[in-house]
Amino acid sequence: DIVCPLVEESDKLQAEAAKQLAERLATKEFPDLEVGLLHGKMKPAEKDAVMERFVANRIQVLVATTVIEVGVNVPNATLMVIEGAERFGLAQLHQLRGR
């Protein structure tokens, strides 16, 4: 699981955006793995479908925003990378650590 502070790139902030990172990982870094994207601007049904695929291991790499910080427990998710961790508060990081 890779957590990004932004959904899309911003002219004002220099941080990795989830959409662009997911695209890069899927095409260049991990072309043989299924890369998923999850963020708060998605419809609930879309988010549920992505999470179902991730839990079933049909998505091996999930790029997400902090939408995953509450209510997500995936035992087969063994590694979490937090891009731009300095942009998150301690409470958010603690919540993410518990996932």
C-alpha atoms as a PDB file:
ATOM      1  CA  ASP A   1       0.000   0.000   0.000  1.00  0.00           C
ATOM      2  CA  ILE A   2       1.356   3.430  -0.923  1.00  0.00           C
ATOM      3  CA  VAL A   3      -0.233   6.492   0.677  1.00  0.00           C
ATOM      4  CA  CYS A   4       0.009   9.877  -1.061  1.00  0.00           C
ATOM      5  CA  PRO A   5      -0.915  13.286   0.345  1.00  0.00           C
ATOM      6  CA  LEU A   6      -2.629  14.442  -2.882  1.00  0.00           C
ATOM      7  CA  VAL A   7      -5.078  12.952  -5.393  1.00  0.00           C
ATOM      8  CA  GLU A   8      -3.776  15.015  -8.329  1.00  0.00           C
ATOM      9  CA  GLU A   9      -0.684  17.105  -8.943  1.00  0.00           C
ATOM     10  CA  SER A  10      -0.673  20.631  -7.547  1.00  0.00           C
ATOM     11  CA  ASP A  11       1.153  23.733  -8.737  1.00  0.00           C
ATOM     12  CA  LYS A  12       1.315  24.931  -5.128  1.00  0.00           C
ATOM     13  CA  LEU A  13       2.617  21.800  -3.415  1.00  0.00           C
ATOM     14  CA  GLN A  14       5.526  19.576  -4.298  1.00  0.00           C
ATOM     15  CA  ALA A  15       4.251  16.147  -3.370  1.00  0.00           C
ATOM     16  CA  GLU A  16       3.635  12.867  -5.155  1.00  0.00           C
ATOM     17  CA  ALA A  17       0.047  12.690  -6.401  1.00  0.00           C
ATOM     18  CA  ALA A  18      -1.809   9.377  -6.203  1.00  0.00           C
ATOM     19  CA  LYS A  19      -3.128   9.353  -9.787  1.00  0.00           C
ATOM     20  CA  GLN A  20       0.244  10.059 -11.368  1.00  0.00           C
ATOM     21  CA  LEU A  21       2.072   7.633  -9.083  1.00  0.00           C
ATOM     22  CA  ALA A  22      -0.397   4.822  -9.801  1.00  0.00           C
ATOM     23  CA  GLU A  23      -0.007   5.375 -13.534  1.00  0.00           C
ATOM     24  CA  ARG A  24       3.801   5.390 -13.326  1.00  0.00           C
ATOM     25  CA  LEU A  25       3.915   2.276 -11.159  1.00  0.00           C
ATOM     26  CA  ALA A  26       1.528   0.391 -13.454  1.00  0.00           C
ATOM     27  CA  THR A  27       3.382   1.241 -16.655  1.00  0.00           C
ATOM     28  CA  LYS A  28       7.048   1.508 -15.645  1.00  0.00           C
ATOM     29  CA  GLU A  29       7.842   0.097 -12.202  1.00  0.00           C
ATOM     30  CA  PHE A  30       5.478  -2.883 -11.854  1.00  0.00           C
ATOM     31  CA  PRO A  31       4.047  -3.692 -15.303  1.00  0.00           C
ATOM     32  CA  ASP A  32       3.495  -7.339 -14.297  1.00  0.00           C
ATOM     33  CA  LEU A  33       1.453  -6.473 -11.195  1.00  0.00           C
ATOM     34  CA  GLU A  34      -2.050  -5.097 -10.867  1.00  0.00           C
ATOM     35  CA  VAL A  35      -1.883  -1.539  -9.490  1.00  0.00           C
ATOM     36  CA  GLY A  36      -5.031  -0.021  -8.001  1.00  0.00           C
ATOM     37  CA  LEU A  37      -5.978   3.539  -7.085  1.00  0.00           C
ATOM     38  CA  LEU A  38      -8.159   4.630  -4.173  1.00  0.00           C
ATOM     39  CA  HIS A  39      -8.998   8.212  -3.182  1.00  0.00           C
ATOM     40  CA  GLY A  40     -11.765  10.248  -1.616  1.00  0.00           C
ATOM     41  CA  LYS A  41     -13.009  11.745  -4.889  1.00  0.00           C
ATOM     42  CA  MET A  42     -14.177   8.313  -6.056  1.00  0.00           C
ATOM     43  CA  LYS A  43     -17.799   7.215  -5.719  1.00  0.00           C
ATOM     44  CA  PRO A  44     -18.467   4.841  -2.803  1.00  0.00           C
ATOM     45  CA  ALA A  45     -19.196   1.928  -5.158  1.00  0.00           C
ATOM     46  CA  GLU A  46     -15.875   2.500  -6.956  1.00  0.00           C
ATOM     47  CA  LYS A  47     -13.988   2.577  -3.647  1.00  0.00           C
ATOM     48  CA  ASP A  48     -15.708  -0.610  -2.503  1.00  0.00           C
ATOM     49  CA  ALA A  49     -14.848  -2.384  -5.767  1.00  0.00           C
ATOM     50  CA  VAL A  50     -11.171  -1.424  -5.488  1.00  0.00           C
ATOM     51  CA  MET A  51     -11.004  -2.569  -1.860  1.00  0.00           C
ATOM     52  CA  GLU A  52     -12.704  -5.880  -2.677  1.00  0.00           C
ATOM     53  CA  ARG A  53     -10.108  -6.509  -5.399  1.00  0.00           C
ATOM     54  CA  PHE A  54      -7.271  -5.541  -3.023  1.00  0.00           C
ATOM     55  CA  VAL A  55      -8.533  -7.804  -0.217  1.00  0.00           C
ATOM     56  CA  ALA A  56      -8.883 -10.670  -2.737  1.00  0.00           C
ATOM     57  CA  ASN A  57      -5.270 -10.002  -3.871  1.00  0.00           C
ATOM     58  CA  ARG A  58      -6.375  -9.181  -7.415  1.00  0.00           C
ATOM     59  CA  ILE A  59      -4.673  -5.808  -6.837  1.00  0.00           C
ATOM     60  CA  GLN A  60      -1.115  -6.293  -5.578  1.00  0.00           C
ATOM     61  CA  VAL A  61      -0.116  -2.609  -5.262  1.00  0.00           C
ATOM     62  CA  LEU A  62      -2.640  -0.088  -3.965  1.00  0.00           C
ATOM     63  CA  VAL A  63      -1.935   3.631  -4.273  1.00  0.00           C
ATOM     64  CA  ALA A  64      -4.247   5.619  -2.021  1.00  0.00           C
ATOM     65  CA  THR A  65      -4.774   8.872  -0.209  1.00  0.00           C
ATOM     66  CA  THR A  66      -5.621   8.967   3.491  1.00  0.00           C
ATOM     67  CA  VAL A  67      -9.116   7.703   2.622  1.00  0.00           C
ATOM     68  CA  ILE A  68      -7.712   4.377   3.860  1.00  0.00           C
ATOM     69  CA  GLU A  69      -6.847   5.626   7.350  1.00  0.00           C
ATOM     70  CA  VAL A  70     -10.130   4.442   8.904  1.00  0.00           C
ATOM     71  CA  GLY A  71     -11.918   1.111   8.628  1.00  0.00           C
ATOM     72  CA  VAL A  72      -9.507  -0.814   6.419  1.00  0.00           C
ATOM     73  CA  ASN A  73      -7.875  -4.054   7.511  1.00  0.00           C
ATOM     74  CA  VAL A  74      -6.108  -6.167   4.893  1.00  0.00           C
ATOM     75  CA  PRO A  75      -3.968  -8.942   6.403  1.00  0.00           C
ATOM     76  CA  ASN A  76      -2.081  -9.610   3.135  1.00  0.00           C
ATOM     77  CA  ALA A  77      -0.939  -5.956   2.956  1.00  0.00           C
ATOM     78  CA  THR A  78       2.517  -6.407   4.449  1.00  0.00           C
ATOM     79  CA  LEU A  79       4.156  -3.099   3.517  1.00  0.00           C
ATOM     80  CA  MET A  80       2.952   0.492   3.544  1.00  0.00           C
ATOM     81  CA  VAL A  81       4.903   3.373   2.007  1.00  0.00           C
ATOM     82  CA  ILE A  82       3.834   6.880   3.003  1.00  0.00           C
ATOM     83  CA  GLU A  83       4.901   9.452   0.428  1.00  0.00           C
ATOM     84  CA  GLY A  84       5.625  12.849   1.961  1.00  0.00           C
ATOM     85  CA  ALA A  85       5.105  11.617   5.527  1.00  0.00           C
ATOM     86  CA  GLU A  86       6.135  15.047   6.815  1.00  0.00           C
ATOM     87  CA  ARG A  87       2.869  16.418   5.375  1.00  0.00           C
ATOM     88  CA  PHE A  88       0.781  14.239   7.703  1.00  0.00           C
ATOM     89  CA  GLY A  89       0.078  14.805  11.383  1.00  0.00           C
ATOM     90  CA  LEU A  90       1.052  12.315  14.063  1.00  0.00           C
ATOM     91  CA  ALA A  91      -2.566  11.220  14.529  1.00  0.00           C
ATOM     92  CA  GLN A  92      -2.890  10.437  10.809  1.00  0.00           C
ATOM     93  CA  LEU A  93       0.389   8.524  10.769  1.00  0.00           C
ATOM     94  CA  HIS A  94      -0.713   6.557  13.834  1.00  0.00           C
ATOM     95  CA  GLN A  95      -4.032   5.702  12.148  1.00  0.00           C
ATOM     96  CA  LEU A  96      -2.231   4.600   8.987  1.00  0.00           C
ATOM     97  CA  ARG A  97       0.223   2.484  10.985  1.00  0.00           C
ATOM     98  CA  GLY A  98      -2.706   0.557  12.402  1.00  0.00           C
ATOM     99  CA  ARG A  99      -3.939  -0.507   8.958  1.00  0.00           C
END
